[in-house]
Each structure stands twice: as C-alpha cells, then as structure tokens.
Amino acid sequence: MCPNHELRSCFRGYTSEDIPQRIQQCKKENIYGETCALNIVREHKEQRKILNGYHHPQHILNSKVERIMQLAHEYGITGQYQVVAKAIERATEKVYGRFFYLNGPGAIAAIASDMGLSPNQIKGLLILSRTVSLVAHSIEEMEQEKGWRASTKSRITQPIALSLQLTEFYDGPAL
C-alpha cells in the first residue's frame, strides 16, 4: 500500500491523490470494501471529480486489466488497494447508472500500492510502461495497419469505433 506519509497519486500514477487518502480514511472509520468504494464514488460524483484510474463509460472491458490482476494474485500480490479498486468499479454502476471499468494505469497503480511502492515510484513505472507501449503501438501501425480503419462511416471521426475494440479484432501477439 502507499506509505501513510505519501498518500499521493497512487491510482492514476500521476494525478489522483484523493482515492488512496479516502481508502485510508475508510480504514480509520472501520469502513471496508464495497461500502468504502460506494462512499468514494458518491463523493467523486457529488464533487464532480474525475475517477482517475477508470475508463470513460463508453469504453468496453479491457481484458489486459483482468490478466494483470490475475497475475498479481498468482504472484501473491494482494491487498486493500486492489480490493477497493474492483469495488469502486462495481460502485460506479450504482452511483452513475453506468459501469466505469478499471483501466490499465488504475490496475497497475493499485497493485503497485499493495506492493508498497511510493507514489513517485508508481509514476516512474507508469511513465516507463506508457513509453514502451507507445513505441510498440507505433511499430505495429507502421507494419500492420492499412490506413485509418477506425471510423464506421460516421460524420464525426471517432478515435476508434467501439465495435472494433472487441478482443476478436486484436491481431497482435497473445497476452
């Protein structure tokens, strides 16, 4: 978990300090799991704050996030941050009426927090992984893509049509 004296930036890795602080506050008040998550999501909605570490509600489930969480469990890395991160995911539907999935940086930050990494270490880890990902994605597009394929003839060019985000359209290496 994030050390008590450095409860900053744990979930997003580079912006949010409020979720880890709220988890610690819940702990002090003997509020855990689903109740803590529900309180956090309600507060974010009431204060019109962004839930860093969670996808925009139009995004679909990213299977890599589940695999990352599964690997952490297989390696014995578990803790309150991962539990609450998944509980927050479920609480979004109750509070907002739609499901916000945990994203990659949110999952990695929760796992790294449970490992005891400091917020600055988590920032470095996330920046490094984003850089490697950007290089890999650029190479993939140069070698495999045939122009812009993401728009489904809509008048507004979408970053990627949601129907094309499904895992059956992924043609890269196996996870």
N, C-alpha and C. Protein backbone atom coordinates (compact mmCIF):
# COMPACT_ATOMS: atom_id res chain seq x y z
N MET A 1 0.84 -1.19 0.00
CA MET A 1 0.00 0.00 0.00
C MET A 1 0.87 1.23 0.00
N CYS A 2 0.31 2.34 -0.33
CA CYS A 2 1.07 3.59 -0.30
C CYS A 2 1.42 3.89 1.15
N PRO A 3 2.66 4.26 1.41
CA PRO A 3 3.01 4.64 2.78
C PRO A 3 2.11 5.78 3.26
N ASN A 4 1.76 5.77 4.53
CA ASN A 4 0.84 6.78 5.08
C ASN A 4 1.31 8.20 4.84
N HIS A 5 2.61 8.43 4.86
CA HIS A 5 3.11 9.79 4.69
C HIS A 5 3.17 10.21 3.22
N GLU A 6 2.88 9.30 2.29
CA GLU A 6 2.92 9.64 0.86
C GLU A 6 1.68 9.15 0.15
N LEU A 7 0.52 9.48 0.65
CA LEU A 7 -0.72 9.04 0.02
C LEU A 7 -1.09 9.95 -1.14
N ARG A 8 -0.24 9.96 -2.14
CA ARG A 8 -0.47 10.80 -3.30
C ARG A 8 -0.36 9.95 -4.55
N SER A 9 -1.17 10.26 -5.54
CA SER A 9 -1.01 9.78 -6.90
C SER A 9 -0.98 8.27 -7.07
N CYS A 10 -1.52 7.51 -6.16
CA CYS A 10 -1.37 6.06 -6.26
C CYS A 10 -2.21 5.42 -7.35
N PHE A 11 -3.41 5.88 -7.57
CA PHE A 11 -4.24 5.17 -8.52
C PHE A 11 -3.95 5.54 -9.96
N ARG A 12 -3.92 6.78 -10.28
CA ARG A 12 -3.67 7.17 -11.66
C ARG A 12 -2.17 7.14 -11.93
N GLY A 13 -1.41 7.31 -10.89
CA GLY A 13 0.03 7.28 -11.05
C GLY A 13 0.62 8.66 -11.27
N TYR A 14 -0.18 9.61 -11.71
CA TYR A 14 0.37 10.93 -11.93
C TYR A 14 -0.61 12.05 -11.65
N THR A 15 -1.83 11.78 -11.15
CA THR A 15 -2.72 12.88 -10.84
C THR A 15 -3.51 12.74 -9.56
N SER A 16 -4.02 11.58 -9.25
CA SER A 16 -5.01 11.49 -8.17
C SER A 16 -4.38 11.12 -6.84
N GLU A 17 -4.66 11.95 -5.85
CA GLU A 17 -4.23 11.58 -4.51
C GLU A 17 -5.42 11.32 -3.61
N ASP A 18 -6.61 11.61 -4.08
CA ASP A 18 -7.78 11.51 -3.22
C ASP A 18 -8.25 10.08 -2.97
N ILE A 19 -8.16 9.18 -3.93
CA ILE A 19 -8.66 7.81 -3.71
C ILE A 19 -7.84 7.10 -2.63
N PRO A 20 -6.51 7.08 -2.72
CA PRO A 20 -5.75 6.43 -1.63
C PRO A 20 -6.01 7.07 -0.26
N GLN A 21 -6.15 8.39 -0.23
CA GLN A 21 -6.44 9.05 1.04
C GLN A 21 -7.80 8.62 1.57
N ARG A 22 -8.77 8.49 0.69
CA ARG A 22 -10.11 8.07 1.11
C ARG A 22 -10.08 6.62 1.60
N ILE A 23 -9.28 5.77 0.98
CA ILE A 23 -9.17 4.39 1.44
C ILE A 23 -8.63 4.38 2.87
N GLN A 24 -7.61 5.19 3.13
CA GLN A 24 -7.05 5.27 4.49
C GLN A 24 -8.08 5.83 5.47
N GLN A 25 -8.86 6.82 5.04
CA GLN A 25 -9.91 7.39 5.89
C GLN A 25 -10.97 6.34 6.21
N CYS A 26 -11.37 5.58 5.20
CA CYS A 26 -12.34 4.49 5.42
C CYS A 26 -11.81 3.50 6.46
N LYS A 27 -10.53 3.18 6.32
CA LYS A 27 -9.90 2.23 7.25
C LYS A 27 -9.96 2.76 8.69
N LYS A 28 -9.67 4.06 8.87
CA LYS A 28 -9.72 4.66 10.20
C LYS A 28 -11.13 4.62 10.78
N GLU A 29 -12.14 4.71 9.90
CA GLU A 29 -13.54 4.69 10.32
C GLU A 29 -14.13 3.28 10.35
N ASN A 30 -13.27 2.27 10.16
CA ASN A 30 -13.69 0.86 10.10
C ASN A 30 -14.74 0.61 9.03
N ILE A 31 -14.55 1.25 7.89
CA ILE A 31 -15.42 1.04 6.72
C ILE A 31 -14.54 0.37 5.66
N TYR A 32 -14.99 -0.75 5.14
CA TYR A 32 -14.16 -1.53 4.21
C TYR A 32 -14.90 -1.90 2.94
N GLY A 33 -14.15 -2.36 1.95
CA GLY A 33 -14.66 -2.94 0.72
C GLY A 33 -15.72 -2.14 0.00
N GLU A 34 -16.87 -2.80 -0.21
CA GLU A 34 -17.95 -2.22 -1.01
C GLU A 34 -18.46 -0.89 -0.44
N THR A 35 -18.58 -0.79 0.87
CA THR A 35 -19.08 0.44 1.49
C THR A 35 -18.09 1.58 1.28
N CYS A 36 -16.82 1.30 1.45
CA CYS A 36 -15.78 2.31 1.22
C CYS A 36 -15.82 2.76 -0.23
N ALA A 37 -15.90 1.81 -1.15
CA ALA A 37 -15.92 2.13 -2.58
C ALA A 37 -17.14 2.98 -2.94
N LEU A 38 -18.28 2.61 -2.41
CA LEU A 38 -19.51 3.36 -2.67
C LEU A 38 -19.38 4.80 -2.18
N ASN A 39 -18.81 4.98 -0.98
CA ASN A 39 -18.58 6.32 -0.44
C ASN A 39 -17.66 7.14 -1.35
N ILE A 40 -16.58 6.51 -1.82
CA ILE A 40 -15.62 7.20 -2.68
C ILE A 40 -16.28 7.64 -3.98
N VAL A 41 -17.03 6.73 -4.61
CA VAL A 41 -17.67 7.07 -5.89
C VAL A 41 -18.73 8.15 -5.70
N ARG A 42 -19.52 8.05 -4.63
CA ARG A 42 -20.54 9.08 -4.36
C ARG A 42 -19.88 10.45 -4.17
N GLU A 43 -18.79 10.49 -3.40
CA GLU A 43 -18.09 11.76 -3.17
C GLU A 43 -17.55 12.34 -4.47
N HIS A 44 -17.00 11.48 -5.33
CA HIS A 44 -16.48 11.96 -6.60
C HIS A 44 -17.60 12.54 -7.46
N LYS A 45 -18.74 11.88 -7.47
CA LYS A 45 -19.86 12.39 -8.25
C LYS A 45 -20.37 13.71 -7.68
N GLU A 46 -20.56 13.76 -6.37
CA GLU A 46 -21.06 14.98 -5.73
C GLU A 46 -20.12 16.16 -5.96
N GLN A 47 -18.82 15.90 -5.92
CA GLN A 47 -17.83 16.97 -6.08
C GLN A 47 -17.41 17.16 -7.55
N ARG A 48 -18.04 16.40 -8.44
CA ARG A 48 -17.76 16.46 -9.88
C ARG A 48 -16.28 16.24 -10.18
N LYS A 49 -15.69 15.26 -9.49
CA LYS A 49 -14.29 14.91 -9.70
C LYS A 49 -14.20 13.73 -10.67
N ILE A 50 -13.10 13.66 -11.38
CA ILE A 50 -12.84 12.54 -12.28
C ILE A 50 -12.38 11.36 -11.44
N LEU A 51 -12.86 10.16 -11.79
CA LEU A 51 -12.39 8.94 -11.14
C LEU A 51 -11.15 8.46 -11.89
N ASN A 52 -10.01 8.99 -11.52
CA ASN A 52 -8.77 8.59 -12.18
C ASN A 52 -8.52 7.11 -11.96
N GLY A 53 -8.07 6.44 -13.02
CA GLY A 53 -7.82 5.01 -12.95
C GLY A 53 -8.98 4.20 -13.50
N TYR A 54 -9.99 4.89 -14.03
CA TYR A 54 -11.18 4.22 -14.57
C TYR A 54 -11.48 4.80 -15.95
N HIS A 55 -11.93 3.91 -16.85
CA HIS A 55 -12.25 4.32 -18.22
C HIS A 55 -13.45 5.24 -18.26
N HIS A 56 -13.52 6.00 -19.32
CA HIS A 56 -14.73 6.74 -19.65
C HIS A 56 -15.83 5.69 -19.85
N PRO A 57 -17.07 5.97 -19.47
CA PRO A 57 -18.12 4.95 -19.53
C PRO A 57 -18.41 4.39 -20.92
N GLN A 58 -17.95 5.03 -22.01
CA GLN A 58 -18.20 4.45 -23.32
C GLN A 58 -17.21 3.34 -23.66
N HIS A 59 -16.12 3.24 -22.92
CA HIS A 59 -15.12 2.20 -23.20
C HIS A 59 -15.60 0.85 -22.71
N ILE A 60 -15.13 -0.18 -23.39
CA ILE A 60 -15.50 -1.53 -23.02
C ILE A 60 -14.41 -2.16 -22.15
N LEU A 61 -14.70 -3.31 -21.62
CA LEU A 61 -13.76 -4.03 -20.76
C LEU A 61 -12.46 -4.32 -21.49
N ASN A 62 -11.36 -4.03 -20.85
CA ASN A 62 -10.04 -4.32 -21.39
C ASN A 62 -9.55 -5.61 -20.74
N SER A 63 -9.44 -6.68 -21.53
CA SER A 63 -9.07 -7.98 -20.98
C SER A 63 -7.67 -7.98 -20.36
N LYS A 64 -6.82 -7.05 -20.77
CA LYS A 64 -5.47 -6.98 -20.20
C LYS A 64 -5.51 -6.62 -18.72
N VAL A 65 -6.49 -5.81 -18.33
CA VAL A 65 -6.61 -5.41 -16.92
C VAL A 65 -6.89 -6.64 -16.06
N GLU A 66 -7.82 -7.47 -16.49
CA GLU A 66 -8.13 -8.69 -15.73
C GLU A 66 -6.92 -9.61 -15.65
N ARG A 67 -6.16 -9.70 -16.74
CA ARG A 67 -4.97 -10.55 -16.75
C ARG A 67 -3.91 -10.01 -15.79
N ILE A 68 -3.73 -8.69 -15.77
CA ILE A 68 -2.76 -8.08 -14.85
C ILE A 68 -3.15 -8.38 -13.40
N MET A 69 -4.45 -8.24 -13.09
CA MET A 69 -4.93 -8.50 -11.73
C MET A 69 -4.76 -9.99 -11.38
N GLN A 70 -5.02 -10.87 -12.35
CA GLN A 70 -4.86 -12.31 -12.14
C GLN A 70 -3.40 -12.65 -11.87
N LEU A 71 -2.50 -12.08 -12.64
CA LEU A 71 -1.07 -12.34 -12.42
C LEU A 71 -0.62 -11.85 -11.05
N ALA A 72 -1.09 -10.70 -10.64
CA ALA A 72 -0.74 -10.19 -9.30
C ALA A 72 -1.18 -11.19 -8.24
N HIS A 73 -2.39 -11.72 -8.38
CA HIS A 73 -2.91 -12.70 -7.42
C HIS A 73 -2.05 -13.98 -7.44
N GLU A 74 -1.70 -14.45 -8.65
CA GLU A 74 -0.87 -15.66 -8.78
C GLU A 74 0.49 -15.48 -8.13
N TYR A 75 1.03 -14.27 -8.16
CA TYR A 75 2.32 -13.99 -7.54
C TYR A 75 2.20 -13.58 -6.07
N GLY A 76 1.00 -13.66 -5.52
CA GLY A 76 0.80 -13.37 -4.11
C GLY A 76 0.74 -11.90 -3.77
N ILE A 77 0.49 -11.07 -4.76
CA ILE A 77 0.40 -9.62 -4.53
C ILE A 77 -1.08 -9.27 -4.41
N THR A 78 -1.53 -9.15 -3.20
CA THR A 78 -2.93 -8.80 -2.96
C THR A 78 -2.97 -7.76 -1.85
N GLY A 79 -4.08 -7.08 -1.75
CA GLY A 79 -4.19 -6.10 -0.69
C GLY A 79 -5.41 -5.21 -0.84
N GLN A 80 -5.51 -4.26 0.08
CA GLN A 80 -6.69 -3.40 0.15
C GLN A 80 -6.89 -2.54 -1.08
N TYR A 81 -5.82 -2.10 -1.74
CA TYR A 81 -5.97 -1.22 -2.89
C TYR A 81 -6.61 -1.95 -4.07
N GLN A 82 -6.22 -3.21 -4.30
CA GLN A 82 -6.84 -3.97 -5.38
C GLN A 82 -8.30 -4.28 -5.07
N VAL A 83 -8.58 -4.62 -3.82
CA VAL A 83 -9.95 -4.93 -3.41
C VAL A 83 -10.85 -3.72 -3.62
N VAL A 84 -10.40 -2.57 -3.14
CA VAL A 84 -11.22 -1.36 -3.27
C VAL A 84 -11.28 -0.90 -4.73
N ALA A 85 -10.20 -1.08 -5.48
CA ALA A 85 -10.21 -0.68 -6.90
C ALA A 85 -11.31 -1.42 -7.65
N LYS A 86 -11.45 -2.72 -7.42
CA LYS A 86 -12.50 -3.50 -8.08
C LYS A 86 -13.88 -3.15 -7.51
N ALA A 87 -13.95 -2.85 -6.24
CA ALA A 87 -15.23 -2.46 -5.62
C ALA A 87 -15.69 -1.10 -6.16
N ILE A 88 -14.75 -0.19 -6.41
CA ILE A 88 -15.09 1.10 -7.00
C ILE A 88 -15.69 0.88 -8.38
N GLU A 89 -15.10 -0.03 -9.13
CA GLU A 89 -15.60 -0.36 -10.46
C GLU A 89 -17.08 -0.76 -10.38
N ARG A 90 -17.42 -1.63 -9.45
CA ARG A 90 -18.81 -2.07 -9.29
C ARG A 90 -19.71 -0.94 -8.79
N ALA A 91 -19.17 -0.08 -7.93
CA ALA A 91 -19.96 1.02 -7.36
C ALA A 91 -20.33 2.07 -8.39
N THR A 92 -19.54 2.20 -9.46
CA THR A 92 -19.85 3.22 -10.47
C THR A 92 -21.23 3.01 -11.08
N GLU A 93 -21.59 1.76 -11.28
CA GLU A 93 -22.91 1.48 -11.88
C GLU A 93 -24.04 1.90 -10.95
N LYS A 94 -23.84 1.68 -9.66
CA LYS A 94 -24.87 2.07 -8.69
C LYS A 94 -25.01 3.59 -8.60
N VAL A 95 -23.91 4.29 -8.66
CA VAL A 95 -23.92 5.74 -8.46
C VAL A 95 -24.20 6.51 -9.75
N TYR A 96 -23.56 6.11 -10.84
CA TYR A 96 -23.70 6.83 -12.10
C TYR A 96 -24.73 6.22 -13.05
N GLY A 97 -25.13 4.96 -12.77
CA GLY A 97 -26.07 4.29 -13.67
C GLY A 97 -25.38 3.68 -14.88
N ARG A 98 -24.06 3.68 -14.89
CA ARG A 98 -23.28 3.05 -15.95
C ARG A 98 -21.96 2.58 -15.35
N PHE A 99 -21.35 1.60 -15.98
CA PHE A 99 -20.18 0.93 -15.45
C PHE A 99 -18.90 1.59 -15.97
N PHE A 100 -18.02 1.99 -15.06
CA PHE A 100 -16.70 2.52 -15.43
C PHE A 100 -15.69 1.41 -15.13
N TYR A 101 -15.08 0.86 -16.15
CA TYR A 101 -14.11 -0.21 -15.94
C TYR A 101 -12.78 0.34 -15.44
N LEU A 102 -12.13 -0.43 -14.58
CA LEU A 102 -10.77 -0.12 -14.13
C LEU A 102 -9.88 -0.14 -15.37
N ASN A 103 -9.02 0.85 -15.54
CA ASN A 103 -8.13 0.85 -16.70
C ASN A 103 -6.74 0.34 -16.31
N GLY A 104 -5.87 0.22 -17.30
CA GLY A 104 -4.53 -0.31 -17.07
C GLY A 104 -3.74 0.44 -16.02
N PRO A 105 -3.61 1.77 -16.14
CA PRO A 105 -2.87 2.51 -15.12
C PRO A 105 -3.50 2.39 -13.73
N GLY A 106 -4.83 2.32 -13.66
CA GLY A 106 -5.50 2.15 -12.37
C GLY A 106 -5.17 0.80 -11.73
N ALA A 107 -5.18 -0.25 -12.56
CA ALA A 107 -4.85 -1.60 -12.05
C ALA A 107 -3.40 -1.67 -11.60
N ILE A 108 -2.50 -1.15 -12.42
CA ILE A 108 -1.08 -1.18 -12.08
C ILE A 108 -0.81 -0.37 -10.81
N ALA A 109 -1.45 0.78 -10.70
CA ALA A 109 -1.24 1.61 -9.51
C ALA A 109 -1.77 0.92 -8.25
N ALA A 110 -2.92 0.23 -8.36
CA ALA A 110 -3.46 -0.49 -7.20
C ALA A 110 -2.52 -1.61 -6.78
N ILE A 111 -2.04 -2.36 -7.76
CA ILE A 111 -1.11 -3.47 -7.47
C ILE A 111 0.19 -2.92 -6.87
N ALA A 112 0.74 -1.88 -7.51
CA ALA A 112 1.99 -1.29 -7.01
C ALA A 112 1.81 -0.72 -5.61
N SER A 113 0.63 -0.15 -5.33
CA SER A 113 0.35 0.36 -3.99
C SER A 113 0.35 -0.78 -2.98
N ASP A 114 -0.27 -1.90 -3.35
CA ASP A 114 -0.28 -3.07 -2.46
C ASP A 114 1.12 -3.66 -2.27
N MET A 115 2.02 -3.39 -3.22
CA MET A 115 3.41 -3.85 -3.10
C MET A 115 4.24 -2.92 -2.22
N GLY A 116 3.69 -1.75 -1.90
CA GLY A 116 4.42 -0.81 -1.05
C GLY A 116 5.22 0.22 -1.82
N LEU A 117 5.04 0.32 -3.14
CA LEU A 117 5.76 1.33 -3.90
C LEU A 117 5.27 2.72 -3.53
N SER A 118 6.18 3.67 -3.55
CA SER A 118 5.81 5.05 -3.25
C SER A 118 5.11 5.66 -4.47
N PRO A 119 4.38 6.73 -4.27
CA PRO A 119 3.73 7.38 -5.41
C PRO A 119 4.71 7.78 -6.51
N ASN A 120 5.88 8.26 -6.17
CA ASN A 120 6.86 8.63 -7.19
C ASN A 120 7.38 7.42 -7.95
N GLN A 121 7.54 6.30 -7.26
CA GLN A 121 7.95 5.07 -7.95
C GLN A 121 6.86 4.62 -8.91
N ILE A 122 5.61 4.75 -8.48
CA ILE A 122 4.49 4.37 -9.35
C ILE A 122 4.43 5.28 -10.57
N LYS A 123 4.66 6.57 -10.37
CA LYS A 123 4.69 7.49 -11.51
C LYS A 123 5.73 7.04 -12.52
N GLY A 124 6.92 6.75 -12.05
CA GLY A 124 8.00 6.30 -12.94
C GLY A 124 7.64 5.02 -13.68
N LEU A 125 7.06 4.08 -12.97
CA LEU A 125 6.65 2.82 -13.57
C LEU A 125 5.62 3.05 -14.67
N LEU A 126 4.64 3.90 -14.41
CA LEU A 126 3.60 4.16 -15.39
C LEU A 126 4.13 4.95 -16.59
N ILE A 127 5.01 5.88 -16.36
CA ILE A 127 5.59 6.64 -17.48
C ILE A 127 6.42 5.72 -18.36
N LEU A 128 7.21 4.86 -17.74
CA LEU A 128 8.03 3.91 -18.50
C LEU A 128 7.16 2.97 -19.32
N SER A 129 6.12 2.43 -18.71
CA SER A 129 5.25 1.49 -19.43
C SER A 129 4.51 2.19 -20.57
N ARG A 130 4.10 3.44 -20.38
CA ARG A 130 3.44 4.19 -21.45
C ARG A 130 4.40 4.43 -22.61
N THR A 131 5.66 4.69 -22.32
CA THR A 131 6.65 4.94 -23.37
C THR A 131 6.87 3.68 -24.20
N VAL A 132 7.07 2.55 -23.55
CA VAL A 132 7.26 1.28 -24.24
C VAL A 132 6.03 0.95 -25.08
N SER A 133 4.84 1.16 -24.51
CA SER A 133 3.59 0.90 -25.21
C SER A 133 3.46 1.77 -26.46
N LEU A 134 3.82 3.04 -26.36
CA LEU A 134 3.73 3.95 -27.50
C LEU A 134 4.65 3.49 -28.63
N VAL A 135 5.86 3.10 -28.30
CA VAL A 135 6.81 2.62 -29.31
C VAL A 135 6.26 1.36 -29.98
N ALA A 136 5.77 0.41 -29.19
CA ALA A 136 5.23 -0.84 -29.74
C ALA A 136 4.03 -0.56 -30.64
N HIS A 137 3.14 0.33 -30.20
CA HIS A 137 1.96 0.66 -30.99
C HIS A 137 2.35 1.34 -32.31
N SER A 138 3.32 2.22 -32.26
CA SER A 138 3.77 2.90 -33.48
C SER A 138 4.34 1.91 -34.48
N ILE A 139 5.15 0.98 -34.02
CA ILE A 139 5.73 -0.04 -34.90
C ILE A 139 4.62 -0.91 -35.48
N GLU A 140 3.67 -1.31 -34.64
CA GLU A 140 2.55 -2.13 -35.11
C GLU A 140 1.79 -1.41 -36.22
N GLU A 141 1.50 -0.14 -36.05
CA GLU A 141 0.77 0.61 -37.07
C GLU A 141 1.58 0.75 -38.35
N MET A 142 2.88 0.96 -38.25
CA MET A 142 3.71 1.09 -39.44
C MET A 142 3.78 -0.23 -40.22
N GLU A 143 3.78 -1.35 -39.50
CA GLU A 143 3.97 -2.63 -40.16
C GLU A 143 2.68 -3.37 -40.49
N GLN A 144 1.57 -3.10 -39.79
CA GLN A 144 0.36 -3.89 -39.98
C GLN A 144 -0.84 -3.12 -40.48
N GLU A 145 -0.98 -1.86 -40.16
CA GLU A 145 -2.20 -1.13 -40.47
C GLU A 145 -2.26 -0.71 -41.93
N LYS A 146 -3.47 -0.63 -42.44
CA LYS A 146 -3.70 -0.17 -43.81
C LYS A 146 -4.55 1.09 -43.75
N GLY A 147 -3.98 2.16 -43.31
CA GLY A 147 -4.71 3.42 -43.23
C GLY A 147 -5.68 3.46 -42.05
N TRP A 148 -6.53 4.47 -42.06
CA TRP A 148 -7.47 4.69 -40.97
C TRP A 148 -8.61 3.69 -41.08
N ARG A 149 -8.77 2.82 -40.11
CA ARG A 149 -9.81 1.80 -40.15
C ARG A 149 -10.83 1.97 -39.03
N ALA A 150 -10.68 2.98 -38.23
CA ALA A 150 -11.47 3.06 -37.01
C ALA A 150 -12.82 3.73 -37.15
N SER A 151 -13.03 4.47 -38.21
CA SER A 151 -14.29 5.17 -38.36
C SER A 151 -15.29 4.29 -39.10
N THR A 152 -16.51 4.24 -38.61
CA THR A 152 -17.54 3.41 -39.24
C THR A 152 -18.48 4.29 -40.06
N LYS A 153 -17.92 5.07 -40.98
CA LYS A 153 -18.67 5.94 -41.89
C LYS A 153 -19.53 6.96 -41.16
N SER A 154 -19.14 7.33 -39.95
CA SER A 154 -19.89 8.35 -39.24
C SER A 154 -19.42 9.71 -39.71
N ARG A 155 -20.26 10.72 -39.54
CA ARG A 155 -19.91 12.07 -39.97
C ARG A 155 -18.80 12.65 -39.10
N ILE A 156 -18.72 12.18 -37.87
CA ILE A 156 -17.68 12.62 -36.95
C ILE A 156 -16.68 11.48 -36.84
N THR A 157 -15.42 11.77 -37.07
CA THR A 157 -14.41 10.73 -36.97
C THR A 157 -14.20 10.36 -35.51
N GLN A 158 -14.44 9.11 -35.20
CA GLN A 158 -14.26 8.60 -33.84
C GLN A 158 -12.83 8.13 -33.68
N PRO A 159 -12.29 8.17 -32.46
CA PRO A 159 -10.93 7.66 -32.26
C PRO A 159 -10.85 6.19 -32.64
N ILE A 160 -11.87 5.43 -32.30
CA ILE A 160 -11.99 4.04 -32.74
C ILE A 160 -13.43 3.62 -32.48
N ALA A 161 -14.03 3.01 -33.47
CA ALA A 161 -15.40 2.55 -33.31
C ALA A 161 -15.44 1.51 -32.19
N LEU A 162 -16.40 1.62 -31.31
CA LEU A 162 -16.48 0.70 -30.17
C LEU A 162 -16.56 -0.74 -30.62
N SER A 163 -17.22 -1.02 -31.73
CA SER A 163 -17.34 -2.40 -32.20
C SER A 163 -15.98 -2.98 -32.59
N LEU A 164 -15.04 -2.11 -32.93
CA LEU A 164 -13.70 -2.58 -33.30
C LEU A 164 -12.77 -2.74 -32.10
N GLN A 165 -13.23 -2.39 -30.91
CA GLN A 165 -12.40 -2.53 -29.71
C GLN A 165 -12.51 -3.92 -29.10
N LEU A 166 -13.40 -4.75 -29.59
CA LEU A 166 -13.58 -6.08 -29.03
C LEU A 166 -12.33 -6.92 -29.26
N THR A 167 -12.08 -7.86 -28.37
CA THR A 167 -10.84 -8.65 -28.44
C THR A 167 -10.73 -9.48 -29.71
N GLU A 168 -11.84 -9.83 -30.35
CA GLU A 168 -11.74 -10.63 -31.58
C GLU A 168 -11.11 -9.85 -32.73
N PHE A 169 -11.01 -8.52 -32.62
CA PHE A 169 -10.38 -7.71 -33.65
C PHE A 169 -8.90 -7.50 -33.38
N TYR A 170 -8.42 -7.92 -32.23
CA TYR A 170 -7.00 -7.78 -31.90
C TYR A 170 -6.22 -8.82 -32.67
N ASP A 171 -5.18 -8.41 -33.40
CA ASP A 171 -4.42 -9.36 -34.20
C ASP A 171 -2.93 -9.38 -33.79
N GLY A 172 -2.64 -8.81 -32.66
CA GLY A 172 -1.26 -8.79 -32.17
C GLY A 172 -0.90 -10.07 -31.44
N PRO A 173 0.25 -10.09 -30.78
CA PRO A 173 0.67 -11.30 -30.07
C PRO A 173 -0.26 -11.63 -28.90
N ALA A 174 -0.32 -12.90 -28.57
CA ALA A 174 -1.17 -13.36 -27.45
C ALA A 174 -0.70 -12.74 -26.15
N LEU A 175 -1.66 -12.49 -25.27
CA LEU A 175 -1.31 -11.91 -23.96
C LEU A 175 -0.74 -12.96 -23.05
